[in-house]
Amino acid sequence: MERTVKKVKRIEGSLRVPSDKSISHRAIILPSLAEGESVVRNFLKAGDTLTTLNVYRKLGVDIEEKDDVIYVKGKGLDGLKEPEDILDMGNSGTTTRLTLGVLAGQDFFAALTGDDSLRRRPMKRVAEPLSQMGAKIDGRKDGNNLPLCIRGGKLKAISYYNSKMSAQVKSAILLAGLYAKGTTQVTEPIISRDHTEKMLNWMGANISTEFSPEGYTVKISHTDRLKPIHIDVPADPSSAAFFAAAAAIVPKSEIILKDVLVNPTRDGFFRKLKEMGADIEYKNKRDEAGEIVADIVVKYSDLKGVKVVKEEVPSMIDEIPLLAIVATQAEGETIITGAEELRVKESDRIKAVVENLRRLNIEVEELEDGMVIKGKQKVKGGVVDSYKDHRIAMGFSILGLVSEDGITIKDADCVYISYPDFFKHLEKVSQ
């Protein structure tokens, strides 16, 4: 499906964007391993998270929905059942990598596959440490690509240096560590998303964290039981970012984004946007089950170019393509480096942004690990390719709001992966 987004006068209003995707995934996966019933409110119903829900049903977990509340009747750490068929992971890297961590601790066989995009994404980064722990994993291209098969059980603890600062890799190892003999340790130079360790701690796992000159370390020991939880999933900062960006670049705009997760490992985009000169304020800041939540108010203001370096990337990895798009409307040059991880997302997001900006006659230089964007460029309009990547489709929709003739996005329906009502919400706040 193609979608054309045209110029608007301003962005105005209040939105509660969809619930956080990362926490929604974990709010199914971890309670599935608990003893007792967990209650999940404001679960994100989108392509990737529904994949997680369906996968755990196929692993024998009783998951029900009543009045928009999800009830997960946990099977305990050793209560999952061997799936009768291949597990379809759809487009979800999070479902795949975290589930591999869970399956590493199960004494049965499972096979996993996914769509065309997911079958190209690297899995050895998870398969290798899990194999070191004792899981037997094989798949295409020497175990790097789906389809993969895994037989778990009888794990031993490892110490792992997470050089890529991947939260999915860290989470997979920690989940396997629940089953391993000894203490499993993951160290990373810069802390990546920490939702898994926060939720495991909340559920009673034998887990601890610390910061040191070497970076951030999390340790987990064999755990006999996880407690069920009640969780109200906050709004997704990655989804809120698109509307913050819109208000920041469309003159005379002001928007209120309600109940947004502002965990410091996730709000890097908002901090960088503020550094660019955006008028951003966190209001009604509060603690929700160990996570920091706030209402974010964004008003239009003149922006200037900035530098993004490797140390800043983990807290804004999904929003860097959007930041590059915003940078086309900022004064001066924006330089993004240290973001090579974008090459192996749902698309090669560096290439996708660069090629689409060039299609719109916007000056940009591609780097191996990022890009350089010239600022204050006029956007006439044109046709761009989403590469069936939800974040690319939504990002260029935001640029369409300041284009002279509108921007048409190919395969725009891919936004369903994380934000089914994106275009409906965009129309709601567009004046």
Protein backbone atom coordinates (compact mmCIF):
# COMPACT_ATOMS: atom_id res chain seq x y z
CA MET A 1 0.00 0.00 0.00
CA GLU A 2 1.28 3.48 -0.92
CA ARG A 3 0.58 6.43 1.33
CA THR A 4 1.10 10.13 0.60
CA VAL A 5 1.72 12.59 3.43
CA LYS A 6 1.34 16.29 2.58
CA LYS A 7 2.38 19.56 4.14
CA VAL A 8 0.45 20.73 7.22
CA LYS A 9 0.10 24.11 8.98
CA ARG A 10 0.96 22.79 12.44
CA ILE A 11 0.90 19.77 14.76
CA GLU A 12 -1.38 20.19 17.75
CA GLY A 13 -3.11 18.12 20.43
CA SER A 14 -2.55 15.26 22.84
CA LEU A 15 -1.77 11.61 22.12
CA ARG A 16 -1.28 8.39 24.00
CA VAL A 17 0.83 6.48 21.48
CA PRO A 18 0.88 2.65 21.52
CA SER A 19 2.42 0.88 24.47
CA ASP A 20 6.09 0.06 24.58
CA LYS A 21 7.08 -2.75 22.25
CA SER A 22 10.12 -3.93 24.23
CA ILE A 23 8.21 -4.16 27.51
CA SER A 24 5.16 -5.75 25.81
CA HIS A 25 7.38 -8.56 24.46
CA ARG A 26 8.87 -9.17 27.90
CA ALA A 27 5.45 -8.93 29.58
CA ILE A 28 4.51 -12.14 27.74
CA ILE A 29 7.85 -13.98 27.75
CA LEU A 30 8.81 -13.63 31.43
CA PRO A 31 5.33 -14.21 32.93
CA SER A 32 5.14 -17.38 30.81
CA LEU A 33 7.99 -18.68 32.99
CA ALA A 34 6.41 -17.57 36.29
CA GLU A 35 4.34 -19.67 38.67
CA GLY A 36 0.84 -18.21 38.74
CA GLU A 37 -1.21 -15.71 36.75
CA SER A 38 0.22 -12.40 35.57
CA VAL A 39 -1.98 -9.46 34.53
CA VAL A 40 -0.85 -7.20 31.66
CA ARG A 41 -2.69 -3.95 30.94
CA ASN A 42 -2.09 -1.73 27.91
CA PHE A 43 -0.34 -4.54 26.02
CA LEU A 44 0.73 -3.41 22.54
CA LYS A 45 -1.32 -5.22 19.92
CA ALA A 46 0.91 -4.99 16.86
CA GLY A 47 2.55 -7.41 14.44
CA ASP A 48 5.70 -8.19 16.43
CA THR A 49 4.14 -8.43 19.87
CA LEU A 50 1.25 -10.58 18.66
CA THR A 51 3.92 -12.89 17.23
CA THR A 52 5.35 -13.26 20.74
CA LEU A 53 1.92 -13.98 22.19
CA ASN A 54 1.24 -16.67 19.56
CA VAL A 55 4.68 -18.29 19.97
CA TYR A 56 4.21 -18.74 23.73
CA ARG A 57 0.76 -20.19 23.23
CA LYS A 58 2.42 -22.77 20.98
CA LEU A 59 4.87 -23.46 23.80
CA GLY A 60 1.92 -24.45 25.98
CA VAL A 61 1.17 -21.22 27.84
CA ASP A 62 -2.47 -20.32 28.53
CA ILE A 63 -2.83 -16.65 27.50
CA GLU A 64 -6.28 -15.06 27.55
CA GLU A 65 -7.63 -11.61 26.80
CA LYS A 66 -10.64 -10.11 28.57
CA ASP A 67 -11.72 -6.47 28.26
CA ASP A 68 -8.35 -5.46 26.77
CA VAL A 69 -6.43 -7.05 29.65
CA ILE A 70 -4.03 -9.95 29.00
CA TYR A 71 -3.87 -12.80 31.53
CA VAL A 72 -0.78 -15.01 31.33
CA LYS A 73 -1.02 -18.27 33.28
CA GLY A 74 2.66 -19.04 33.78
CA LYS A 75 3.90 -22.60 33.43
CA GLY A 76 6.96 -22.19 35.67
CA LEU A 77 10.56 -22.29 34.49
CA ASP A 78 10.33 -25.94 33.49
CA GLY A 79 6.71 -26.12 32.36
CA LEU A 80 6.90 -25.20 28.68
CA LYS A 81 6.10 -27.96 26.18
CA GLU A 82 7.84 -29.01 23.00
CA PRO A 83 6.10 -27.28 20.05
CA GLU A 84 4.34 -29.57 17.59
CA ASP A 85 5.35 -27.48 14.58
CA ILE A 86 7.92 -24.91 13.48
CA LEU A 87 7.64 -21.65 15.44
CA ASP A 88 6.97 -18.72 13.10
CA MET A 89 8.74 -15.59 14.38
CA GLY A 90 7.28 -13.32 11.67
CA ASN A 91 9.34 -10.13 11.46
CA SER A 92 10.34 -10.01 15.13
CA GLY A 93 14.01 -10.14 16.03
CA THR A 94 13.15 -9.57 19.70
CA THR A 95 10.82 -12.57 19.82
CA THR A 96 13.42 -14.73 18.11
CA ARG A 97 16.50 -13.84 20.13
CA LEU A 98 14.83 -13.75 23.55
CA THR A 99 12.98 -16.99 22.86
CA LEU A 100 16.25 -18.68 21.90
CA GLY A 101 17.44 -17.77 25.41
CA VAL A 102 14.34 -19.39 26.93
CA LEU A 103 14.58 -22.46 24.70
CA ALA A 104 18.25 -22.93 25.62
CA GLY A 105 17.03 -23.92 29.10
CA GLN A 106 14.37 -26.38 27.89
CA ASP A 107 15.03 -30.09 27.56
CA PHE A 108 13.31 -30.39 24.19
CA PHE A 109 13.65 -29.63 20.48
CA ALA A 110 12.31 -26.57 18.66
CA ALA A 111 12.67 -25.11 15.17
CA LEU A 112 12.25 -21.41 14.33
CA THR A 113 11.68 -19.52 11.10
CA GLY A 114 10.50 -16.06 10.04
CA ASP A 115 9.67 -13.81 7.12
CA ASP A 116 12.13 -12.85 4.36
CA SER A 117 13.51 -9.93 6.32
CA LEU A 118 14.01 -11.84 9.56
CA ARG A 119 15.69 -14.73 7.75
CA ARG A 120 18.42 -12.30 6.67
CA ARG A 121 19.12 -10.97 10.16
CA PRO A 122 22.14 -12.26 12.14
CA MET A 123 21.42 -14.84 14.82
CA LYS A 124 24.92 -16.12 15.55
CA ARG A 125 25.40 -13.23 17.97
CA VAL A 126 22.89 -15.05 20.19
CA ALA A 127 23.54 -18.63 19.07
CA GLU A 128 27.26 -18.51 19.95
CA PRO A 129 26.98 -17.55 23.64
CA LEU A 130 24.01 -19.90 24.10
CA SER A 131 26.05 -22.71 22.53
CA GLN A 132 28.88 -21.90 24.94
CA MET A 133 26.37 -22.42 27.74
CA GLY A 134 25.51 -25.88 26.40
CA ALA A 135 22.56 -25.45 24.03
CA LYS A 136 22.75 -27.27 20.69
CA ILE A 137 21.90 -24.81 17.90
CA ASP A 138 22.17 -25.10 14.13
CA GLY A 139 20.75 -23.29 11.14
CA ARG A 140 21.40 -21.73 7.76
CA LYS A 141 24.81 -20.20 7.06
CA ASP A 142 26.51 -22.00 9.93
CA GLY A 143 23.79 -21.08 12.40
CA ASN A 144 23.67 -17.37 11.57
CA ASN A 145 20.31 -17.28 9.78
CA LEU A 146 16.83 -18.67 10.26
CA PRO A 147 15.50 -21.30 10.01
CA LEU A 148 17.28 -22.43 13.18
CA CYS A 149 16.81 -25.49 15.36
CA ILE A 150 17.66 -25.72 19.05
CA ARG A 151 17.80 -28.42 21.70
CA GLY A 152 18.36 -27.04 25.19
CA GLY A 153 18.95 -28.20 28.73
CA LYS A 154 21.89 -28.75 31.12
CA LEU A 155 23.37 -25.26 30.84
CA LYS A 156 26.50 -23.90 32.51
CA ALA A 157 27.17 -20.27 33.39
CA ILE A 158 29.41 -18.06 31.25
CA SER A 159 30.93 -14.59 31.42
CA TYR A 160 30.18 -12.67 28.23
CA TYR A 161 31.36 -9.31 26.95
CA ASN A 162 28.50 -7.73 24.98
CA SER A 163 30.62 -5.54 22.71
CA LYS A 164 27.74 -4.71 20.37
CA MET A 165 25.71 -3.45 23.36
CA SER A 166 22.72 -5.42 22.09
CA ALA A 167 19.86 -5.66 24.59
CA GLN A 168 18.54 -8.70 22.72
CA VAL A 169 21.84 -10.56 23.13
CA LYS A 170 22.07 -9.59 26.80
CA SER A 171 18.46 -10.64 27.41
CA ALA A 172 18.89 -14.02 25.72
CA ILE A 173 21.92 -14.83 27.90
CA LEU A 174 20.16 -13.67 31.08
CA LEU A 175 17.09 -15.79 30.30
CA ALA A 176 19.33 -18.81 29.72
CA GLY A 177 21.16 -17.89 32.94
CA LEU A 178 17.96 -18.61 34.90
CA TYR A 179 18.61 -22.29 34.11
CA ALA A 180 22.40 -22.41 34.18
CA LYS A 181 24.58 -23.91 36.90
CA GLY A 182 26.61 -21.11 38.50
CA THR A 183 26.51 -17.35 37.98
CA THR A 184 26.15 -15.99 34.46
CA GLN A 185 27.66 -12.55 33.86
CA VAL A 186 27.15 -10.09 30.98
CA THR A 187 29.29 -6.95 30.75
CA GLU A 188 28.83 -4.20 28.17
CA PRO A 189 30.87 -1.01 27.66
CA ILE A 190 27.69 1.12 27.63
CA ILE A 191 24.42 0.01 29.16
CA SER A 192 21.83 -1.15 26.61
CA ARG A 193 18.09 -1.35 27.28
CA ASP A 194 17.69 -2.81 30.75
CA HIS A 195 14.02 -3.87 30.74
CA THR A 196 14.84 -7.58 31.07
CA GLU A 197 16.96 -7.21 34.19
CA LYS A 198 14.44 -4.80 35.75
CA MET A 199 11.56 -7.21 35.17
CA LEU A 200 13.55 -10.27 36.30
CA ASN A 201 14.49 -8.46 39.49
CA TRP A 202 10.86 -7.51 40.06
CA MET A 203 9.86 -11.17 39.62
CA GLY A 204 12.37 -12.42 42.17
CA ALA A 205 15.23 -13.75 40.05
CA ASN A 206 18.71 -14.04 41.57
CA ILE A 207 20.04 -11.01 39.70
CA SER A 208 22.28 -8.01 40.43
CA THR A 209 23.73 -5.09 38.45
CA GLU A 210 26.72 -2.79 38.89
CA PHE A 211 28.66 -0.07 37.10
CA SER A 212 32.47 -0.11 37.01
CA PRO A 213 35.32 1.36 34.91
CA GLU A 214 34.82 -1.59 32.53
CA GLY A 215 31.20 -0.62 31.96
CA TYR A 216 27.91 -2.14 33.10
CA THR A 217 27.66 -5.68 34.44
CA VAL A 218 24.62 -7.80 35.23
CA LYS A 219 24.89 -11.15 37.03
CA ILE A 220 22.23 -13.84 37.27
CA SER A 221 22.28 -17.16 39.09
CA HIS A 222 20.16 -20.29 38.76
CA THR A 223 16.63 -19.41 39.84
CA ASP A 224 14.00 -21.88 41.07
CA ARG A 225 10.90 -19.72 40.73
CA LEU A 226 9.67 -16.46 39.18
CA LYS A 227 6.74 -14.64 40.75
CA PRO A 228 3.79 -13.50 38.60
CA ILE A 229 3.37 -9.76 38.05
CA HIS A 230 0.78 -7.07 37.40
CA ILE A 231 2.04 -4.57 34.83
CA ASP A 232 0.62 -1.51 33.11
CA VAL A 233 2.76 -1.10 29.98
CA PRO A 234 3.77 2.55 29.40
CA ALA A 235 3.69 4.30 26.01
CA ASP A 236 6.56 3.48 23.64
CA PRO A 237 9.21 6.24 23.38
CA SER A 238 10.15 4.99 19.91
CA SER A 239 6.58 5.57 18.72
CA ALA A 240 6.27 8.88 20.59
CA ALA A 241 9.48 10.05 18.92
CA PHE A 242 7.76 10.48 15.54
CA PHE A 243 5.25 12.95 16.91
CA ALA A 244 7.90 14.76 18.94
CA ALA A 245 9.87 15.11 15.71
CA ALA A 246 6.80 16.41 13.88
CA ALA A 247 6.15 19.10 16.51
CA ALA A 248 9.84 20.05 16.49
CA ILE A 249 10.02 20.72 12.72
CA VAL A 250 6.52 21.99 11.83
CA PRO A 251 6.19 25.72 12.74
CA LYS A 252 3.72 26.79 15.46
CA SER A 253 3.33 23.20 16.71
CA GLU A 254 2.77 21.89 20.25
CA ILE A 255 1.94 18.35 21.30
CA ILE A 256 1.52 16.46 24.58
CA LEU A 257 2.59 12.80 24.54
CA LYS A 258 1.04 10.95 27.47
CA ASP A 259 2.47 8.19 29.72
CA VAL A 260 5.74 7.79 27.82
CA LEU A 261 8.51 5.51 29.09
CA VAL A 262 11.56 7.71 29.75
CA ASN A 263 13.96 5.05 31.00
CA PRO A 264 17.47 6.57 30.50
CA THR A 265 18.43 3.62 28.29
CA ARG A 266 15.57 4.56 25.93
CA ASP A 267 15.11 8.35 25.84
CA GLY A 268 18.33 9.28 24.03
CA PHE A 269 16.38 10.68 21.06
CA PHE A 270 14.52 13.18 23.24
CA ARG A 271 17.75 14.28 24.93
CA LYS A 272 19.45 14.73 21.55
CA LEU A 273 16.46 16.61 20.15
CA LYS A 274 16.69 18.95 23.13
CA GLU A 275 20.40 19.42 22.40
CA MET A 276 19.39 20.45 18.87
CA GLY A 277 17.32 23.24 20.44
CA ALA A 278 13.89 21.64 20.61
CA ASP A 279 11.51 22.86 23.32
CA ILE A 280 10.92 19.62 25.29
CA GLU A 281 9.67 19.17 28.83
CA TYR A 282 8.96 16.05 30.93
CA LYS A 283 5.90 16.58 33.12
CA ASN A 284 4.18 14.40 35.72
CA LYS A 285 7.27 12.20 36.05
CA ARG A 286 6.56 9.02 38.03
CA ASP A 287 7.65 5.46 38.76
CA GLU A 288 5.58 2.63 37.27
CA ALA A 289 6.76 -0.80 38.41
CA GLY A 290 10.43 0.15 38.33
CA GLU A 291 10.24 2.12 35.07
CA ILE A 292 10.21 5.93 34.81
CA VAL A 293 7.17 7.36 32.98
CA ALA A 294 6.31 10.98 32.07
CA ASP A 295 4.11 13.17 29.88
CA ILE A 296 6.30 14.81 27.23
CA VAL A 297 5.45 18.29 25.93
CA VAL A 298 7.15 19.30 22.66
CA LYS A 299 6.89 22.74 21.02
CA TYR A 300 8.33 23.97 17.74
CA SER A 301 11.63 25.85 17.87
CA ASP A 302 14.62 26.47 15.60
CA LEU A 303 16.99 23.52 15.51
CA LYS A 304 20.73 23.23 14.98
CA GLY A 305 22.89 20.36 13.80
CA VAL A 306 24.56 18.01 16.31
CA LYS A 307 27.00 15.11 16.52
CA VAL A 308 25.95 11.61 17.54
CA VAL A 309 28.80 9.38 18.77
CA LYS A 310 29.00 5.67 19.55
CA GLU A 311 28.42 6.07 23.28
CA GLU A 312 25.04 7.71 22.61
CA VAL A 313 23.78 5.16 20.10
CA PRO A 314 22.36 2.42 22.38
CA SER A 315 19.80 4.76 24.01
CA MET A 316 18.46 5.92 20.63
CA ILE A 317 19.28 3.12 18.19
CA ASP A 318 15.74 2.84 16.76
CA GLU A 319 15.33 6.62 16.48
CA ILE A 320 18.57 7.46 14.65
CA PRO A 321 16.93 7.27 11.18
CA LEU A 322 14.30 9.73 12.43
CA LEU A 323 17.00 12.00 13.87
CA ALA A 324 18.69 12.05 10.46
CA ILE A 325 15.38 13.08 8.89
CA VAL A 326 14.89 15.84 11.49
CA ALA A 327 18.47 17.00 10.81
CA THR A 328 17.51 18.00 7.25
CA GLN A 329 15.52 20.85 8.88
CA ALA A 330 18.20 21.94 11.37
CA GLU A 331 20.75 24.71 10.87
CA GLY A 332 24.20 23.36 10.00
CA GLU A 333 25.52 19.83 9.67
CA THR A 334 24.58 16.72 11.66
CA ILE A 335 27.16 13.93 11.89
CA ILE A 336 26.11 10.45 13.03
CA THR A 337 28.81 7.84 13.74
CA GLY A 338 29.09 4.59 15.68
CA ALA A 339 25.71 3.35 14.42
CA GLU A 340 26.80 0.37 12.32
CA GLU A 341 24.18 -1.76 14.12
CA LEU A 342 21.59 -0.01 11.91
CA ARG A 343 22.91 -2.09 9.00
CA VAL A 344 21.32 -5.25 10.43
CA LYS A 345 17.86 -4.07 11.48
CA GLU A 346 14.61 -4.81 9.58
CA SER A 347 16.40 -3.13 6.69
CA ASP A 348 19.85 -1.62 6.29
CA ARG A 349 18.60 1.59 7.87
CA ILE A 350 21.66 3.64 6.99
CA LYS A 351 21.29 2.75 3.33
CA ALA A 352 17.50 3.18 3.45
CA VAL A 353 17.71 6.72 4.87
CA VAL A 354 20.52 7.81 2.56
CA GLU A 355 18.90 6.47 -0.62
CA ASN A 356 15.50 7.94 0.24
CA LEU A 357 16.94 11.38 1.08
CA ARG A 358 18.77 11.34 -2.26
CA ARG A 359 15.51 10.45 -4.03
CA LEU A 360 14.15 13.66 -2.52
CA ASN A 361 17.23 15.60 -3.72
CA ILE A 362 18.42 16.13 -0.16
CA GLU A 363 22.17 16.26 0.35
CA VAL A 364 23.54 13.46 2.54
CA GLU A 365 26.81 11.54 2.81
CA GLU A 366 26.79 7.85 3.68
CA LEU A 367 29.36 6.59 6.19
CA GLU A 368 30.11 2.98 7.03
CA ASP A 369 28.75 3.53 10.54
CA GLY A 370 26.38 6.45 10.01
CA MET A 371 25.85 9.51 7.83
CA VAL A 372 26.41 13.24 7.46
CA ILE A 373 23.29 15.34 6.80
CA LYS A 374 23.28 18.90 5.51
CA GLY A 375 20.75 21.07 7.29
CA LYS A 376 18.06 23.59 6.35
CA GLN A 377 17.23 21.86 3.08
CA LYS A 378 14.00 22.44 1.22
CA VAL A 379 11.92 19.32 0.70
CA LYS A 380 10.07 19.44 -2.59
CA GLY A 381 8.66 15.92 -2.29
CA GLY A 382 8.62 12.70 -4.23
CA VAL A 383 8.42 8.94 -3.79
CA VAL A 384 10.42 6.95 -1.24
CA ASP A 385 10.74 3.24 -0.48
CA SER A 386 9.97 1.99 3.04
CA TYR A 387 11.95 -1.19 2.33
CA LYS A 388 9.04 -2.72 4.28
CA ASP A 389 10.62 -1.27 7.43
CA HIS A 390 8.10 0.36 9.79
CA ARG A 391 10.52 2.97 11.15
CA ILE A 392 11.60 4.09 7.68
CA ALA A 393 7.95 4.42 6.60
CA MET A 394 7.00 6.48 9.66
CA GLY A 395 10.15 8.62 9.53
CA PHE A 396 9.60 9.77 5.97
CA SER A 397 5.93 10.38 6.72
CA ILE A 398 7.11 13.00 9.23
CA LEU A 399 9.28 14.63 6.57
CA GLY A 400 6.22 14.76 4.32
CA LEU A 401 4.64 17.22 6.78
CA VAL A 402 7.13 19.92 5.71
CA SER A 403 7.39 19.00 2.02
CA GLU A 404 6.11 21.29 -0.74
CA ASP A 405 4.36 18.61 -2.82
CA GLY A 406 4.03 15.71 -0.37
CA ILE A 407 5.96 12.48 0.04
CA THR A 408 4.60 9.12 -1.12
CA ILE A 409 5.81 6.07 0.83
CA LYS A 410 5.82 2.65 -0.84
CA ASP A 411 4.67 -0.33 1.27
CA ALA A 412 3.51 2.05 4.00
CA ASP A 413 1.33 -0.66 5.55
CA CYS A 414 4.47 -2.07 7.21
CA VAL A 415 3.78 0.42 10.06
CA TYR A 416 1.47 -2.31 11.43
CA ILE A 417 4.57 -4.01 12.85
CA SER A 418 4.72 -1.50 15.72
CA TYR A 419 2.04 1.18 15.24
CA PRO A 420 -1.17 0.06 13.48
CA ASP A 421 -2.92 3.44 14.00
CA PHE A 422 0.05 5.61 13.00
CA PHE A 423 -1.57 7.35 10.03
CA LYS A 424 -4.87 7.75 11.87
CA HIS A 425 -3.03 9.46 14.75
CA LEU A 426 -1.01 11.60 12.34
CA GLU A 427 -4.23 12.90 10.81
CA LYS A 428 -5.67 13.53 14.28
CA VAL A 429 -2.91 15.97 15.29
CA SER A 430 -2.33 17.54 11.86
CA GLN A 431 -3.90 20.96 11.30
